[in-house]
């Protein structure tokens, strides 16, 4: 029987409370501390989750270095704070699971990756969608050749708020779809291009609408539509191949659909054939619970994360950085150098 991992969570805001719940529920986690700069927030979660007096509640993350037998920390704070918090935790020889993006600078991501290796600590990023049963099943469908040669992909991630004041719609939303495309394709883009529009926050120049295009070495292109100023809430991603399409629609009761169909050429006429549609069954599992399990298992077995590791997190930040450069340069295509 593997020992429980003594954990702490930094940040119990809109997303951090999910991590608080997961750590309290997980059979392999033992919650030792909760950190949040807002003392009222700490009192609120203490009451809501019935936290015992043995759990340290503090507004200062530096307190964690003095907690006996603490082994791991989840960082669920704004991305601008990630670098210093993660660096400190690694220096205290704590394993770290950080919310996405790992940091806002690719150079900082690489530095943290190297620090984790030097400290022999696990550094993992919560790219939750990579643990979604639909994404896991979709990868196996593509690898089986069910949709033939891959041609292009598209994704739409839109809603009406919340409107961020620290990053634009690109940094807020795109990382999910980029992570899925990279995972399904088994490669990273070599060229990136983005255009956008600012309506709400003109002074800070934060785009509310972004159109992004990624080009991969194989020739595959992915087109991504992002907007937090759109009443039509969508979470839809598709890949088109020579024999069919694979659709991941998170808003649907049947999230993953395989739509087969191809052309039979008769003279100069293209006749659709082999058309059928199949709703794919998925494992019943909460993605965030699976993220937690993978992180804890890596600590218990002293193994490197096979999904959503810090190196992959750095790749995604580099892609977002180049997309931002294109966005602010009139939408010119820019080659990626990792």
Protein backbone atom coordinates (compact mmCIF):
# COMPACT_ATOMS: atom_id res chain seq x y z
CA UNK A 1 0.00 0.00 0.00
CA UNK A 2 1.49 3.33 -1.10
CA UNK A 3 1.71 6.08 1.47
CA UNK A 4 -0.52 9.12 1.14
CA UNK A 5 1.18 12.25 -0.19
CA UNK A 6 1.11 15.27 2.12
CA UNK A 7 -0.12 18.15 -0.01
CA UNK A 8 -0.96 21.85 0.06
CA UNK A 9 -2.87 24.10 -2.30
CA UNK A 10 -1.94 27.71 -3.05
CA UNK A 11 -4.91 29.74 -4.23
CA UNK A 12 -8.54 28.85 -3.55
CA UNK A 13 -10.27 31.13 -6.00
CA UNK A 14 -12.66 30.14 -8.81
CA UNK A 15 -10.52 27.18 -9.92
CA UNK A 16 -8.49 26.55 -6.79
CA UNK A 17 -11.54 25.41 -4.84
CA UNK A 18 -11.88 22.52 -7.28
CA UNK A 19 -8.36 21.46 -6.31
CA UNK A 20 -9.21 21.80 -2.65
CA UNK A 21 -12.15 19.43 -3.13
CA UNK A 22 -10.09 16.95 -5.17
CA UNK A 23 -7.29 16.81 -2.60
CA UNK A 24 -9.75 16.31 0.24
CA UNK A 25 -11.50 13.50 -1.62
CA UNK A 26 -8.51 11.70 -3.14
CA UNK A 27 -7.56 8.50 -1.29
CA UNK A 28 -3.84 9.04 -1.91
CA UNK A 29 -3.70 12.69 -0.79
CA UNK A 30 -3.46 14.13 2.71
CA UNK A 31 -4.17 17.87 2.78
CA UNK A 32 -1.80 19.68 5.15
CA UNK A 33 -2.20 23.37 4.24
CA UNK A 34 -4.20 25.94 2.29
CA UNK A 35 -2.69 29.25 1.17
CA UNK A 36 -4.58 32.30 -0.09
CA UNK A 37 -3.75 36.01 0.24
CA UNK A 38 -7.36 36.76 1.23
CA UNK A 39 -8.03 35.80 4.89
CA UNK A 40 -11.79 36.03 4.33
CA UNK A 41 -11.47 33.48 1.56
CA UNK A 42 -9.60 31.14 3.89
CA UNK A 43 -12.35 31.42 6.48
CA UNK A 44 -14.97 30.77 3.82
CA UNK A 45 -13.37 27.55 2.58
CA UNK A 46 -12.68 26.40 6.14
CA UNK A 47 -16.41 26.59 6.82
CA UNK A 48 -17.54 25.29 3.43
CA UNK A 49 -15.26 22.24 3.45
CA UNK A 50 -15.28 21.68 7.20
CA UNK A 51 -11.48 21.85 7.42
CA UNK A 52 -10.02 20.58 10.66
CA UNK A 53 -7.69 22.57 12.90
CA UNK A 54 -4.83 20.28 11.86
CA UNK A 55 -4.86 21.89 8.39
CA UNK A 56 -2.74 25.05 8.25
CA UNK A 57 -4.53 28.09 6.80
CA UNK A 58 -2.19 30.93 5.86
CA UNK A 59 -1.98 34.02 3.69
CA UNK A 60 1.79 33.58 3.19
CA UNK A 61 3.15 30.85 0.90
CA UNK A 62 6.52 31.09 2.67
CA UNK A 63 4.89 29.26 5.58
CA UNK A 64 4.95 26.05 3.54
CA UNK A 65 8.71 25.61 3.91
CA UNK A 66 8.23 25.17 7.66
CA UNK A 67 5.47 22.52 7.53
CA UNK A 68 6.88 19.16 8.54
CA UNK A 69 6.65 16.30 6.04
CA UNK A 70 4.96 18.41 3.34
CA UNK A 71 5.74 16.77 -0.01
CA UNK A 72 3.75 18.46 -2.76
CA UNK A 73 1.88 21.63 -3.64
CA UNK A 74 -0.77 22.59 -6.18
CA UNK A 75 -0.39 26.15 -7.50
CA UNK A 76 -3.76 27.57 -8.56
CA UNK A 77 -3.03 31.29 -8.61
CA UNK A 78 -2.95 33.86 -11.47
CA UNK A 79 -0.30 32.96 -14.05
CA UNK A 80 1.70 36.13 -13.37
CA UNK A 81 2.50 34.76 -9.89
CA UNK A 82 3.48 31.24 -10.99
CA UNK A 83 7.20 31.64 -11.55
CA UNK A 84 8.20 32.78 -8.06
CA UNK A 85 5.79 30.42 -6.29
CA UNK A 86 6.91 27.38 -8.28
CA UNK A 87 10.60 28.25 -8.01
CA UNK A 88 10.32 28.61 -4.24
CA UNK A 89 8.43 25.33 -3.90
CA UNK A 90 11.00 23.44 -5.95
CA UNK A 91 13.83 24.96 -3.90
CA UNK A 92 12.04 23.69 -0.79
CA UNK A 93 12.14 20.28 -2.51
CA UNK A 94 8.40 20.08 -2.99
CA UNK A 95 6.78 18.42 -5.97
CA UNK A 96 4.63 20.90 -7.91
CA UNK A 97 1.46 20.69 -9.95
CA UNK A 98 0.74 24.10 -11.51
CA UNK A 99 -2.30 25.45 -13.26
CA UNK A 100 -1.91 26.38 -16.91
CA UNK A 101 -0.08 28.22 -18.30
CA UNK A 102 3.05 27.19 -16.45
CA UNK A 103 4.26 30.81 -16.66
CA UNK A 104 3.79 33.65 -19.13
CA UNK A 105 7.35 33.41 -20.49
CA UNK A 106 8.80 30.40 -22.30
CA UNK A 107 12.25 31.18 -20.87
CA UNK A 108 10.85 30.96 -17.33
CA UNK A 109 9.14 27.67 -18.17
CA UNK A 110 12.43 26.19 -19.33
CA UNK A 111 14.20 27.50 -16.23
CA UNK A 112 11.63 25.86 -13.95
CA UNK A 113 11.88 22.63 -15.94
CA UNK A 114 15.67 22.58 -15.40
CA UNK A 115 15.26 23.46 -11.72
CA UNK A 116 12.83 20.57 -11.21
CA UNK A 117 15.31 18.17 -12.82
CA UNK A 118 18.14 19.50 -10.65
CA UNK A 119 16.04 19.16 -7.50
CA UNK A 120 14.77 15.74 -8.61
CA UNK A 121 11.20 16.92 -8.10
CA UNK A 122 8.08 16.39 -10.21
CA UNK A 123 6.86 19.50 -12.06
CA UNK A 124 3.57 18.95 -13.86
CA UNK A 125 1.03 21.29 -15.47
CA UNK A 126 -2.73 20.91 -15.20
CA UNK A 127 -3.71 20.73 -18.86
CA UNK A 128 -6.97 19.12 -17.79
CA UNK A 129 -8.24 18.31 -21.27
CA UNK A 130 -5.38 15.90 -21.87
CA UNK A 131 -6.98 13.71 -19.19
CA UNK A 132 -10.49 14.04 -20.59
CA UNK A 133 -11.87 10.63 -21.64
CA UNK A 134 -12.91 12.09 -25.02
CA UNK A 135 -9.38 13.31 -25.75
CA UNK A 136 -7.84 10.01 -24.66
CA UNK A 137 -10.29 8.00 -26.80
CA UNK A 138 -9.89 10.42 -29.72
CA UNK A 139 -6.14 9.90 -29.81
CA UNK A 140 -6.57 6.13 -30.14
CA UNK A 141 -9.17 6.61 -32.91
CA UNK A 142 -6.80 8.79 -34.92
CA UNK A 143 -3.87 6.44 -34.38
CA UNK A 144 -6.03 3.54 -35.65
CA UNK A 145 -6.40 5.26 -39.02
CA UNK A 146 -10.20 5.36 -38.80
CA UNK A 147 -10.41 8.81 -40.42
CA UNK A 148 -7.59 8.21 -42.91
CA UNK A 149 -4.91 10.76 -43.77
CA UNK A 150 -5.26 13.86 -41.60
CA UNK A 151 -5.99 17.06 -43.56
CA UNK A 152 -7.00 19.94 -41.31
CA UNK A 153 -8.61 20.80 -37.99
CA UNK A 154 -10.82 23.49 -36.51
CA UNK A 155 -11.89 24.56 -33.05
CA UNK A 156 -14.30 27.08 -31.56
CA UNK A 157 -14.14 28.19 -27.92
CA UNK A 158 -16.61 31.03 -27.29
CA UNK A 159 -18.76 32.35 -24.44
CA UNK A 160 -20.01 35.58 -22.84
CA UNK A 161 -17.41 36.19 -20.13
CA UNK A 162 -15.70 36.05 -17.81
CA UNK A 163 -13.57 38.82 -19.30
CA UNK A 164 -9.99 38.65 -18.04
CA UNK A 165 -8.02 41.80 -17.20
CA UNK A 166 -4.60 40.16 -17.01
CA UNK A 167 -4.49 38.30 -20.36
CA UNK A 168 -6.40 38.40 -23.64
CA UNK A 169 -8.76 35.80 -25.11
CA UNK A 170 -5.81 34.06 -26.79
CA UNK A 171 -3.97 33.34 -23.52
CA UNK A 172 -7.20 32.64 -21.66
CA UNK A 173 -8.67 30.11 -24.07
CA UNK A 174 -6.36 28.85 -26.83
CA UNK A 175 -4.08 26.64 -24.76
CA UNK A 176 -6.79 23.98 -24.37
CA UNK A 177 -7.34 23.46 -28.08
CA UNK A 178 -3.63 23.69 -28.94
CA UNK A 179 -2.88 21.01 -26.35
CA UNK A 180 -5.56 18.73 -27.84
CA UNK A 181 -4.38 19.23 -31.42
CA UNK A 182 -0.75 18.56 -30.45
CA UNK A 183 -1.75 15.41 -28.57
CA UNK A 184 -3.99 14.04 -31.31
CA UNK A 185 -1.44 14.78 -34.02
CA UNK A 186 1.62 13.71 -32.05
CA UNK A 187 3.53 16.79 -33.20
CA UNK A 188 3.90 20.51 -32.50
CA UNK A 189 3.30 23.37 -34.97
CA UNK A 190 6.16 24.89 -36.94
CA UNK A 191 4.35 28.10 -37.92
CA UNK A 192 1.77 30.28 -36.17
CA UNK A 193 -0.45 33.15 -37.23
CA UNK A 194 -3.09 35.18 -35.37
CA UNK A 195 -5.38 38.17 -35.86
CA UNK A 196 -7.75 39.72 -33.36
CA UNK A 197 -10.12 42.50 -32.38
CA UNK A 198 -10.32 44.62 -29.23
CA UNK A 199 -13.69 46.04 -28.19
CA UNK A 200 -13.81 46.18 -24.40
CA UNK A 201 -10.35 47.03 -23.06
CA UNK A 202 -8.85 49.43 -25.57
CA UNK A 203 -6.31 50.92 -23.16
CA UNK A 204 -4.78 47.56 -22.27
CA UNK A 205 -5.17 46.27 -25.86
CA UNK A 206 -6.50 42.88 -24.76
CA UNK A 207 -8.14 41.13 -27.70
CA UNK A 208 -11.71 39.93 -27.14
CA UNK A 209 -11.74 37.96 -30.41
CA UNK A 210 -8.83 35.98 -31.85
CA UNK A 211 -8.48 33.85 -34.98
CA UNK A 212 -5.40 31.62 -34.84
CA UNK A 213 -3.88 29.30 -37.43
CA UNK A 214 -1.24 26.69 -36.68
CA UNK A 215 0.72 24.85 -39.35
CA UNK A 216 2.42 21.54 -38.59
CA UNK A 217 5.42 19.92 -40.25
CA UNK A 218 3.14 17.27 -41.75
CA UNK A 219 1.25 20.02 -43.57
CA UNK A 220 -1.77 19.78 -41.29
CA UNK A 221 -3.36 23.14 -40.42
CA UNK A 222 -5.51 23.94 -37.37
CA UNK A 223 -7.83 26.96 -37.31
CA UNK A 224 -8.99 28.20 -33.89
CA UNK A 225 -11.77 30.72 -33.11
CA UNK A 226 -11.63 32.28 -29.63
CA UNK A 227 -13.96 34.85 -28.11
CA UNK A 228 -15.26 35.79 -24.66
CA UNK A 229 -17.74 38.27 -26.16
CA UNK A 230 -20.04 35.77 -27.86
CA UNK A 231 -23.41 34.60 -26.51
CA UNK A 232 -23.13 31.38 -28.50
CA UNK A 233 -21.17 29.25 -26.04
CA UNK A 234 -19.20 26.59 -27.89
CA UNK A 235 -16.52 24.09 -26.96
CA UNK A 236 -16.06 22.22 -30.23
CA UNK A 237 -13.01 20.76 -31.95
CA UNK A 238 -12.76 18.63 -35.06
CA UNK A 239 -10.17 16.90 -37.20
CA UNK A 240 -10.92 16.10 -40.83
CA UNK A 241 -9.29 13.18 -42.62
CA UNK A 242 -9.55 11.49 -46.00
CA UNK A 243 -12.06 8.93 -44.68
CA UNK A 244 -13.99 10.91 -42.09
CA UNK A 245 -14.00 13.39 -39.24
CA UNK A 246 -13.63 13.17 -35.48
CA UNK A 247 -15.63 15.72 -33.48
CA UNK A 248 -15.16 16.57 -29.79
CA UNK A 249 -18.12 18.69 -28.68
CA UNK A 250 -17.93 19.28 -24.96
CA UNK A 251 -21.39 20.91 -24.88
CA UNK A 252 -23.06 17.83 -26.33
CA UNK A 253 -24.48 14.91 -24.36
CA UNK A 254 -22.45 12.72 -26.74
CA UNK A 255 -19.06 14.52 -26.64
CA UNK A 256 -17.12 12.37 -29.12
CA UNK A 257 -18.46 11.47 -32.55
CA UNK A 258 -16.84 9.64 -35.45
CA UNK A 259 -18.35 10.64 -38.80
CA UNK A 260 -17.15 8.47 -41.67
CA UNK A 261 -17.49 9.24 -45.36
CA UNK A 262 -15.31 9.57 -48.43
CA UNK A 263 -15.56 10.05 -52.18
CA UNK A 264 -15.70 7.46 -54.91
CA UNK A 265 -14.65 8.91 -58.26
CA UNK A 266 -16.83 8.00 -61.24
CA UNK A 267 -15.45 9.79 -64.27
CA UNK A 268 -15.36 13.44 -63.26
CA UNK A 269 -18.05 13.00 -60.58
CA UNK A 270 -17.31 12.58 -56.87
CA UNK A 271 -19.84 10.30 -55.16
CA UNK A 272 -20.02 10.24 -51.31
CA UNK A 273 -19.73 6.64 -50.04
CA UNK A 274 -19.23 4.73 -46.78
CA UNK A 275 -21.16 7.34 -44.85
CA UNK A 276 -22.05 6.60 -41.25
CA UNK A 277 -21.95 8.24 -37.85
CA UNK A 278 -20.95 6.65 -34.56
CA UNK A 279 -21.20 8.06 -31.06
CA UNK A 280 -18.16 6.77 -29.19
CA UNK A 281 -18.54 5.49 -25.64
CA UNK A 282 -16.28 7.08 -23.06
CA UNK A 283 -14.89 6.17 -19.67
CA UNK A 284 -16.86 7.68 -16.78
CA UNK A 285 -14.22 9.76 -15.02
CA UNK A 286 -13.59 13.30 -13.81
CA UNK A 287 -10.56 14.70 -15.69
CA UNK A 288 -9.30 16.72 -12.72
CA UNK A 289 -9.37 13.60 -10.54
CA UNK A 290 -7.27 11.84 -13.18
CA UNK A 291 -4.79 14.74 -13.24
CA UNK A 292 -4.42 14.43 -9.48
CA UNK A 293 -4.00 10.66 -9.63
CA UNK A 294 -1.27 10.91 -12.27
CA UNK A 295 0.60 13.55 -10.26
CA UNK A 296 0.43 11.58 -7.00
CA UNK A 297 1.38 8.32 -8.71
CA UNK A 298 4.44 9.96 -10.27
CA UNK A 299 5.55 11.08 -6.79
CA UNK A 300 4.88 7.69 -5.19
CA UNK A 301 6.72 5.76 -7.92
CA UNK A 302 9.41 8.39 -8.57
CA UNK A 303 8.60 8.47 -12.28
CA UNK A 304 8.46 11.36 -14.74
CA UNK A 305 4.96 12.47 -15.85
CA UNK A 306 3.97 10.89 -19.15
CA UNK A 307 1.19 13.44 -19.70
CA UNK A 308 1.27 17.21 -19.25
CA UNK A 309 4.83 17.51 -17.99
CA UNK A 310 6.71 20.80 -17.67
CA UNK A 311 8.45 20.36 -21.04
CA UNK A 312 5.08 20.17 -22.78
CA UNK A 313 3.92 23.15 -20.75
CA UNK A 314 6.91 25.14 -22.03
CA UNK A 315 6.10 24.18 -25.63
CA UNK A 316 2.56 25.48 -25.27
CA UNK A 317 3.73 28.77 -23.77
CA UNK A 318 6.17 29.17 -26.67
CA UNK A 319 3.34 28.65 -29.17
CA UNK A 320 1.18 31.24 -27.38
CA UNK A 321 4.12 33.65 -27.35
CA UNK A 322 4.58 33.39 -31.12
CA UNK A 323 0.83 33.69 -31.73
CA UNK A 324 0.89 36.88 -29.62
CA UNK A 325 3.80 38.23 -31.67
CA UNK A 326 1.85 37.56 -34.87
CA UNK A 327 -1.30 39.12 -33.38
CA UNK A 328 0.58 42.33 -32.54
CA UNK A 329 2.34 42.36 -35.93
CA UNK A 330 -0.74 42.48 -38.12
CA UNK A 331 -1.21 38.74 -38.42
CA UNK A 332 2.02 37.80 -40.20
CA UNK A 333 2.93 34.08 -40.12
CA UNK A 334 5.91 33.39 -37.84
CA UNK A 335 8.05 30.25 -37.69
CA UNK A 336 8.39 28.50 -34.35
CA UNK A 337 11.73 27.65 -32.79
CA UNK A 338 11.47 25.61 -29.58
